[in-house]
Amino acid sequence: MTGVPEGPHASGPAGDPRTARTRARLRQALLDACAERPFEEVGVAALVRRAGMGRATFYLHYPDLQALAVDACAEVVREAVDALHAWRGVPDPRVPPPALTSFFTGLAPHAALYRTLLRPGGGGPLGELLHRELRERSRVERTLAGAPAPELIASAVAAAFAGVLADWLHGLIEDTPEGIAARIWRLLVALHRMPVT
């Protein structure tokens, strides 16, 4: 899910508690550092000092700072995907799931880091991860529901959400978190209801 390679950049199996703890410390150190200065000004040396470990340990787990940043932000991707699927039955386009509104209102603390990794239009490493994860979840759920054109609609949903989220974070769309949650929800419901056959 994180897009961080295992293999040569991991010091142990993915389920190794020591590996998980080390990565968690590095992720938190990066988030803390980015709360104080732009991502571009964060260096590996200062980061590992903050995390209380050596530089070599960092490179056992991540090839570079961007890989760590994407891993640190992977939780926001999981939250986005879950928030968009936090409903049952027939979705009401007038009322977004509370989880979706909470997702948008909770972005502020790390918005600067998200903007670095999620470029306008939905590109960048975080945008690619979000598109991939959201497209797959949407495709699976649409297939299970027996809805037509699952691949097409899943791609459209993923592209629309990643693009709108990125543009909103970059100030290209002006709205409150509550407002953008309601508007993107209506857009995505409309995509799901489009006649495509």
C-alpha atoms as a PDB file:
ATOM      1  CA  MET A   1       0.000   0.000   0.000  1.00  0.00           C
ATOM      2  CA  THR A   2       2.737   2.425   0.805  1.00  0.00           C
ATOM      3  CA  GLY A   3       4.637   2.095  -2.422  1.00  0.00           C
ATOM      4  CA  VAL A   4       7.853   1.692  -0.441  1.00  0.00           C
ATOM      5  CA  PRO A   5       9.970  -1.162  -1.725  1.00  0.00           C
ATOM      6  CA  GLU A   6      10.714  -4.087   0.452  1.00  0.00           C
ATOM      7  CA  GLY A   7      13.701  -6.135  -0.696  1.00  0.00           C
ATOM      8  CA  PRO A   8      17.003  -4.265  -0.509  1.00  0.00           C
ATOM      9  CA  HIS A   9      15.531  -1.305   1.356  1.00  0.00           C
ATOM     10  CA  ALA A  10      14.062  -3.293   4.221  1.00  0.00           C
ATOM     11  CA  SER A  11      15.965  -4.560   7.229  1.00  0.00           C
ATOM     12  CA  GLY A  12      13.559  -7.386   7.903  1.00  0.00           C
ATOM     13  CA  PRO A  13      10.294  -8.985   6.853  1.00  0.00           C
ATOM     14  CA  ALA A  14       7.315  -6.691   6.407  1.00  0.00           C
ATOM     15  CA  GLY A  15       5.774  -8.127   9.589  1.00  0.00           C
ATOM     16  CA  ASP A  16       8.911  -7.692  11.698  1.00  0.00           C
ATOM     17  CA  PRO A  17       7.948  -5.535  14.723  1.00  0.00           C
ATOM     18  CA  ARG A  18      11.400  -3.891  14.799  1.00  0.00           C
ATOM     19  CA  THR A  19      11.058  -2.866  11.163  1.00  0.00           C
ATOM     20  CA  ALA A  20       7.572  -1.499  11.820  1.00  0.00           C
ATOM     21  CA  ARG A  21       8.767   0.489  14.862  1.00  0.00           C
ATOM     22  CA  THR A  22      11.752   1.941  13.007  1.00  0.00           C
ATOM     23  CA  ARG A  23       9.633   3.013  10.062  1.00  0.00           C
ATOM     24  CA  ALA A  24       7.021   4.492  12.379  1.00  0.00           C
ATOM     25  CA  ARG A  25       9.707   6.584  14.119  1.00  0.00           C
ATOM     26  CA  LEU A  26      11.039   7.803  10.779  1.00  0.00           C
ATOM     27  CA  ARG A  27       7.550   8.649   9.523  1.00  0.00           C
ATOM     28  CA  GLN A  28       6.736  10.596  12.684  1.00  0.00           C
ATOM     29  CA  ALA A  29      10.068  12.406  12.579  1.00  0.00           C
ATOM     30  CA  LEU A  30       9.342  13.502   9.022  1.00  0.00           C
ATOM     31  CA  LEU A  31       5.818  14.687   9.834  1.00  0.00           C
ATOM     32  CA  ASP A  32       7.147  16.627  12.832  1.00  0.00           C
ATOM     33  CA  ALA A  33       9.923  18.179  10.749  1.00  0.00           C
ATOM     34  CA  CYS A  34       7.496  19.163   7.982  1.00  0.00           C
ATOM     35  CA  ALA A  35       5.265  20.858  10.540  1.00  0.00           C
ATOM     36  CA  GLU A  36       8.190  23.235  11.175  1.00  0.00           C
ATOM     37  CA  ARG A  37       9.636  23.758   7.675  1.00  0.00           C
ATOM     38  CA  PRO A  38       8.939  22.873   4.020  1.00  0.00           C
ATOM     39  CA  PHE A  39       9.732  19.328   2.923  1.00  0.00           C
ATOM     40  CA  GLU A  40      12.419  20.647   0.547  1.00  0.00           C
ATOM     41  CA  GLU A  41      14.355  21.983   3.560  1.00  0.00           C
ATOM     42  CA  VAL A  42      14.360  18.673   5.460  1.00  0.00           C
ATOM     43  CA  GLY A  43      17.580  16.684   5.221  1.00  0.00           C
ATOM     44  CA  VAL A  44      18.324  13.069   6.070  1.00  0.00           C
ATOM     45  CA  ALA A  45      20.943  14.010   8.687  1.00  0.00           C
ATOM     46  CA  ALA A  46      18.565  16.216  10.675  1.00  0.00           C
ATOM     47  CA  LEU A  47      15.750  13.734  10.249  1.00  0.00           C
ATOM     48  CA  VAL A  48      17.661  10.769  11.666  1.00  0.00           C
ATOM     49  CA  ARG A  49      18.858  12.896  14.589  1.00  0.00           C
ATOM     50  CA  ARG A  50      15.248  13.738  15.328  1.00  0.00           C
ATOM     51  CA  ALA A  51      14.321  10.051  15.097  1.00  0.00           C
ATOM     52  CA  GLY A  52      17.249   9.036  17.305  1.00  0.00           C
ATOM     53  CA  MET A  53      18.899   6.682  14.833  1.00  0.00           C
ATOM     54  CA  GLY A  54      21.761   6.551  12.376  1.00  0.00           C
ATOM     55  CA  ARG A  55      21.839   7.533   8.725  1.00  0.00           C
ATOM     56  CA  ALA A  56      22.597   3.952   7.684  1.00  0.00           C
ATOM     57  CA  THR A  57      19.377   2.796   9.360  1.00  0.00           C
ATOM     58  CA  PHE A  58      17.412   5.264   7.279  1.00  0.00           C
ATOM     59  CA  TYR A  59      18.817   3.867   4.042  1.00  0.00           C
ATOM     60  CA  LEU A  60      18.071   0.300   5.123  1.00  0.00           C
ATOM     61  CA  HIS A  61      14.395   1.227   5.080  1.00  0.00           C
ATOM     62  CA  TYR A  62      14.006   3.934   2.428  1.00  0.00           C
ATOM     63  CA  PRO A  63      15.948   4.803  -0.730  1.00  0.00           C
ATOM     64  CA  ASP A  64      15.344   8.539  -0.239  1.00  0.00           C
ATOM     65  CA  LEU A  65      13.265  11.136   1.577  1.00  0.00           C
ATOM     66  CA  GLN A  66      10.504  11.104  -1.014  1.00  0.00           C
ATOM     67  CA  ALA A  67       9.911   7.386  -0.462  1.00  0.00           C
ATOM     68  CA  LEU A  68       9.664   8.042   3.282  1.00  0.00           C
ATOM     69  CA  ALA A  69       7.306  10.969   2.650  1.00  0.00           C
ATOM     70  CA  VAL A  70       4.984   8.852   0.515  1.00  0.00           C
ATOM     71  CA  ASP A  71       5.003   6.159   3.201  1.00  0.00           C
ATOM     72  CA  ALA A  72       4.318   8.760   5.895  1.00  0.00           C
ATOM     73  CA  CYS A  73       1.370  10.076   3.878  1.00  0.00           C
ATOM     74  CA  ALA A  74      -0.001   6.658   2.881  1.00  0.00           C
ATOM     75  CA  GLU A  75      -2.436   6.812   5.789  1.00  0.00           C
ATOM     76  CA  VAL A  76      -4.169   9.790   4.207  1.00  0.00           C
ATOM     77  CA  VAL A  77      -4.694   7.668   1.082  1.00  0.00           C
ATOM     78  CA  ARG A  78      -6.278   4.896   3.143  1.00  0.00           C
ATOM     79  CA  GLU A  79      -8.474   7.471   4.876  1.00  0.00           C
ATOM     80  CA  ALA A  80      -9.575   8.948   1.545  1.00  0.00           C
ATOM     81  CA  VAL A  81     -10.441   5.573   0.046  1.00  0.00           C
ATOM     82  CA  ASP A  82     -12.320   4.487   3.178  1.00  0.00           C
ATOM     83  CA  ALA A  83     -14.164   7.815   3.448  1.00  0.00           C
ATOM     84  CA  LEU A  84     -15.430   7.573  -0.120  1.00  0.00           C
ATOM     85  CA  HIS A  85     -16.816   4.117   0.572  1.00  0.00           C
ATOM     86  CA  ALA A  86     -18.266   4.829   4.026  1.00  0.00           C
ATOM     87  CA  TRP A  87     -21.901   4.352   3.026  1.00  0.00           C
ATOM     88  CA  ARG A  88     -24.309   1.510   2.480  1.00  0.00           C
ATOM     89  CA  GLY A  89     -27.414   1.191   0.371  1.00  0.00           C
ATOM     90  CA  VAL A  90     -28.260   3.919  -2.135  1.00  0.00           C
ATOM     91  CA  PRO A  91     -26.013   6.994  -1.746  1.00  0.00           C
ATOM     92  CA  ASP A  92     -27.755  10.319  -1.205  1.00  0.00           C
ATOM     93  CA  PRO A  93     -25.950  12.924  -3.350  1.00  0.00           C
ATOM     94  CA  ARG A  94     -27.120  15.702  -1.033  1.00  0.00           C
ATOM     95  CA  VAL A  95     -25.389  14.287   2.053  1.00  0.00           C
ATOM     96  CA  PRO A  96     -21.748  13.162   1.919  1.00  0.00           C
ATOM     97  CA  PRO A  97     -20.693  10.445   4.341  1.00  0.00           C
ATOM     98  CA  PRO A  98     -19.529  12.040   7.619  1.00  0.00           C
ATOM     99  CA  ALA A  99     -16.183  10.271   7.108  1.00  0.00           C
ATOM    100  CA  LEU A 100     -15.642  12.218   3.878  1.00  0.00           C
ATOM    101  CA  THR A 101     -16.232  15.553   5.580  1.00  0.00           C
ATOM    102  CA  SER A 102     -13.944  14.498   8.433  1.00  0.00           C
ATOM    103  CA  PHE A 103     -11.284  13.538   5.893  1.00  0.00           C
ATOM    104  CA  PHE A 104     -11.234  17.027   4.358  1.00  0.00           C
ATOM    105  CA  THR A 105     -11.360  18.840   7.700  1.00  0.00           C
ATOM    106  CA  GLY A 106      -8.458  16.718   8.988  1.00  0.00           C
ATOM    107  CA  LEU A 107      -5.998  17.587   6.197  1.00  0.00           C
ATOM    108  CA  ALA A 108      -4.808  20.924   7.587  1.00  0.00           C
ATOM    109  CA  PRO A 109      -1.960  19.788   9.900  1.00  0.00           C
ATOM    110  CA  HIS A 110       0.077  18.249   7.060  1.00  0.00           C
ATOM    111  CA  ALA A 111      -1.379  20.098   4.063  1.00  0.00           C
ATOM    112  CA  ALA A 112       2.000  21.567   3.063  1.00  0.00           C
ATOM    113  CA  LEU A 113       3.553  18.106   2.826  1.00  0.00           C
ATOM    114  CA  TYR A 114       0.569  16.774   0.902  1.00  0.00           C
ATOM    115  CA  ARG A 115       0.926  19.664  -1.566  1.00  0.00           C
ATOM    116  CA  THR A 116       4.563  18.697  -2.151  1.00  0.00           C
ATOM    117  CA  LEU A 117       3.639  15.092  -3.010  1.00  0.00           C
ATOM    118  CA  LEU A 118       0.276  15.722  -4.689  1.00  0.00           C
ATOM    119  CA  ARG A 119       0.676  18.131  -7.572  1.00  0.00           C
ATOM    120  CA  PRO A 120      -2.153  20.130  -9.196  1.00  0.00           C
ATOM    121  CA  GLY A 121      -4.274  17.873 -11.340  1.00  0.00           C
ATOM    122  CA  GLY A 122      -3.600  14.864  -9.111  1.00  0.00           C
ATOM    123  CA  GLY A 123      -0.065  14.000 -10.220  1.00  0.00           C
ATOM    124  CA  GLY A 124       2.982  13.337  -8.081  1.00  0.00           C
ATOM    125  CA  PRO A 125       3.844  10.267  -6.006  1.00  0.00           C
ATOM    126  CA  LEU A 126       0.977  10.682  -3.551  1.00  0.00           C
ATOM    127  CA  GLY A 127      -1.472  11.333  -6.369  1.00  0.00           C
ATOM    128  CA  GLU A 128      -0.368   8.190  -8.183  1.00  0.00           C
ATOM    129  CA  LEU A 129      -0.788   6.133  -5.017  1.00  0.00           C
ATOM    130  CA  LEU A 130      -4.211   7.639  -4.344  1.00  0.00           C
ATOM    131  CA  HIS A 131      -5.358   7.030  -7.927  1.00  0.00           C
ATOM    132  CA  ARG A 132      -4.175   3.408  -7.886  1.00  0.00           C
ATOM    133  CA  GLU A 133      -5.743   2.541  -4.518  1.00  0.00           C
ATOM    134  CA  LEU A 134      -9.016   4.368  -5.147  1.00  0.00           C
ATOM    135  CA  ARG A 135      -9.398   2.953  -8.651  1.00  0.00           C
ATOM    136  CA  GLU A 136      -8.926  -0.610  -7.398  1.00  0.00           C
ATOM    137  CA  ARG A 137     -11.364  -0.223  -4.483  1.00  0.00           C
ATOM    138  CA  SER A 138     -13.981   1.388  -6.711  1.00  0.00           C
ATOM    139  CA  ARG A 139     -13.548  -1.274  -9.396  1.00  0.00           C
ATOM    140  CA  VAL A 140     -13.929  -4.126  -6.904  1.00  0.00           C
ATOM    141  CA  GLU A 141     -16.994  -2.646  -5.220  1.00  0.00           C
ATOM    142  CA  ARG A 142     -18.667  -1.812  -8.526  1.00  0.00           C
ATOM    143  CA  THR A 143     -17.959  -5.327  -9.821  1.00  0.00           C
ATOM    144  CA  LEU A 144     -19.400  -6.892  -6.656  1.00  0.00           C
ATOM    145  CA  ALA A 145     -22.519  -4.740  -7.044  1.00  0.00           C
ATOM    146  CA  GLY A 146     -22.940  -5.891 -10.647  1.00  0.00           C
ATOM    147  CA  ALA A 147     -22.799  -2.299 -11.921  1.00  0.00           C
ATOM    148  CA  PRO A 148     -21.818  -1.756 -15.554  1.00  0.00           C
ATOM    149  CA  ALA A 149     -18.406  -0.632 -16.815  1.00  0.00           C
ATOM    150  CA  PRO A 150     -16.530  -1.062 -13.515  1.00  0.00           C
ATOM    151  CA  GLU A 151     -13.114  -0.282 -15.023  1.00  0.00           C
ATOM    152  CA  LEU A 152     -14.296   2.890 -16.772  1.00  0.00           C
ATOM    153  CA  ILE A 153     -16.180   4.329 -13.812  1.00  0.00           C
ATOM    154  CA  ALA A 154     -13.431   3.375 -11.346  1.00  0.00           C
ATOM    155  CA  SER A 155     -10.863   5.228 -13.451  1.00  0.00           C
ATOM    156  CA  ALA A 156     -13.129   8.273 -13.724  1.00  0.00           C
ATOM    157  CA  VAL A 157     -13.824   8.321  -9.973  1.00  0.00           C
ATOM    158  CA  ALA A 158     -10.137   7.992  -9.081  1.00  0.00           C
ATOM    159  CA  ALA A 159      -9.034  10.674 -11.543  1.00  0.00           C
ATOM    160  CA  ALA A 160     -11.778  13.100 -10.508  1.00  0.00           C
ATOM    161  CA  PHE A 161     -11.187  12.712  -6.785  1.00  0.00           C
ATOM    162  CA  ALA A 162      -7.376  12.918  -6.966  1.00  0.00           C
ATOM    163  CA  GLY A 163      -7.558  15.938  -9.273  1.00  0.00           C
ATOM    164  CA  VAL A 164     -10.111  17.862  -7.224  1.00  0.00           C
ATOM    165  CA  LEU A 165      -8.344  17.074  -3.947  1.00  0.00           C
ATOM    166  CA  ALA A 166      -5.001  18.245  -5.343  1.00  0.00           C
ATOM    167  CA  ASP A 167      -6.403  21.403  -6.879  1.00  0.00           C
ATOM    168  CA  TRP A 168      -8.250  22.244  -3.652  1.00  0.00           C
ATOM    169  CA  LEU A 169      -5.103  21.732  -1.577  1.00  0.00           C
ATOM    170  CA  HIS A 170      -3.204  24.019  -3.969  1.00  0.00           C
ATOM    171  CA  GLY A 171      -5.880  26.720  -3.759  1.00  0.00           C
ATOM    172  CA  LEU A 172      -7.088  26.308  -7.329  1.00  0.00           C
ATOM    173  CA  ILE A 173     -10.585  25.520  -6.048  1.00  0.00           C
ATOM    174  CA  GLU A 174     -11.821  27.783  -3.281  1.00  0.00           C
ATOM    175  CA  ASP A 175     -14.119  26.171  -0.745  1.00  0.00           C
ATOM    176  CA  THR A 176     -14.323  25.139   2.882  1.00  0.00           C
ATOM    177  CA  PRO A 177     -13.519  21.522   3.811  1.00  0.00           C
ATOM    178  CA  GLU A 178     -17.244  20.923   4.351  1.00  0.00           C
ATOM    179  CA  GLY A 179     -18.119  22.566   1.050  1.00  0.00           C
ATOM    180  CA  ILE A 180     -15.594  20.651  -1.038  1.00  0.00           C
ATOM    181  CA  ALA A 181     -16.634  17.368   0.601  1.00  0.00           C
ATOM    182  CA  ALA A 182     -20.259  17.994  -0.395  1.00  0.00           C
ATOM    183  CA  ARG A 183     -19.374  19.053  -3.936  1.00  0.00           C
ATOM    184  CA  ILE A 184     -16.980  16.181  -4.697  1.00  0.00           C
ATOM    185  CA  TRP A 185     -19.531  13.749  -3.266  1.00  0.00           C
ATOM    186  CA  ARG A 186     -22.210  14.992  -5.663  1.00  0.00           C
ATOM    187  CA  LEU A 187     -19.760  14.749  -8.556  1.00  0.00           C
ATOM    188  CA  LEU A 188     -18.746  11.173  -7.715  1.00  0.00           C
ATOM    189  CA  VAL A 189     -22.335  10.008  -7.210  1.00  0.00           C
ATOM    190  CA  ALA A 190     -23.162  11.492 -10.627  1.00  0.00           C
ATOM    191  CA  LEU A 191     -20.250   9.584 -12.174  1.00  0.00           C
ATOM    192  CA  HIS A 192     -21.518   6.335 -10.682  1.00  0.00           C
ATOM    193  CA  ARG A 193     -24.997   6.984 -12.051  1.00  0.00           C
ATOM    194  CA  MET A 194     -23.932   7.922 -15.579  1.00  0.00           C
ATOM    195  CA  PRO A 195     -25.358   5.705 -18.323  1.00  0.00           C
ATOM    196  CA  VAL A 196     -22.286   4.098 -19.895  1.00  0.00           C
ATOM    197  CA  THR A 197     -23.740   1.236 -21.893  1.00  0.00           C
END
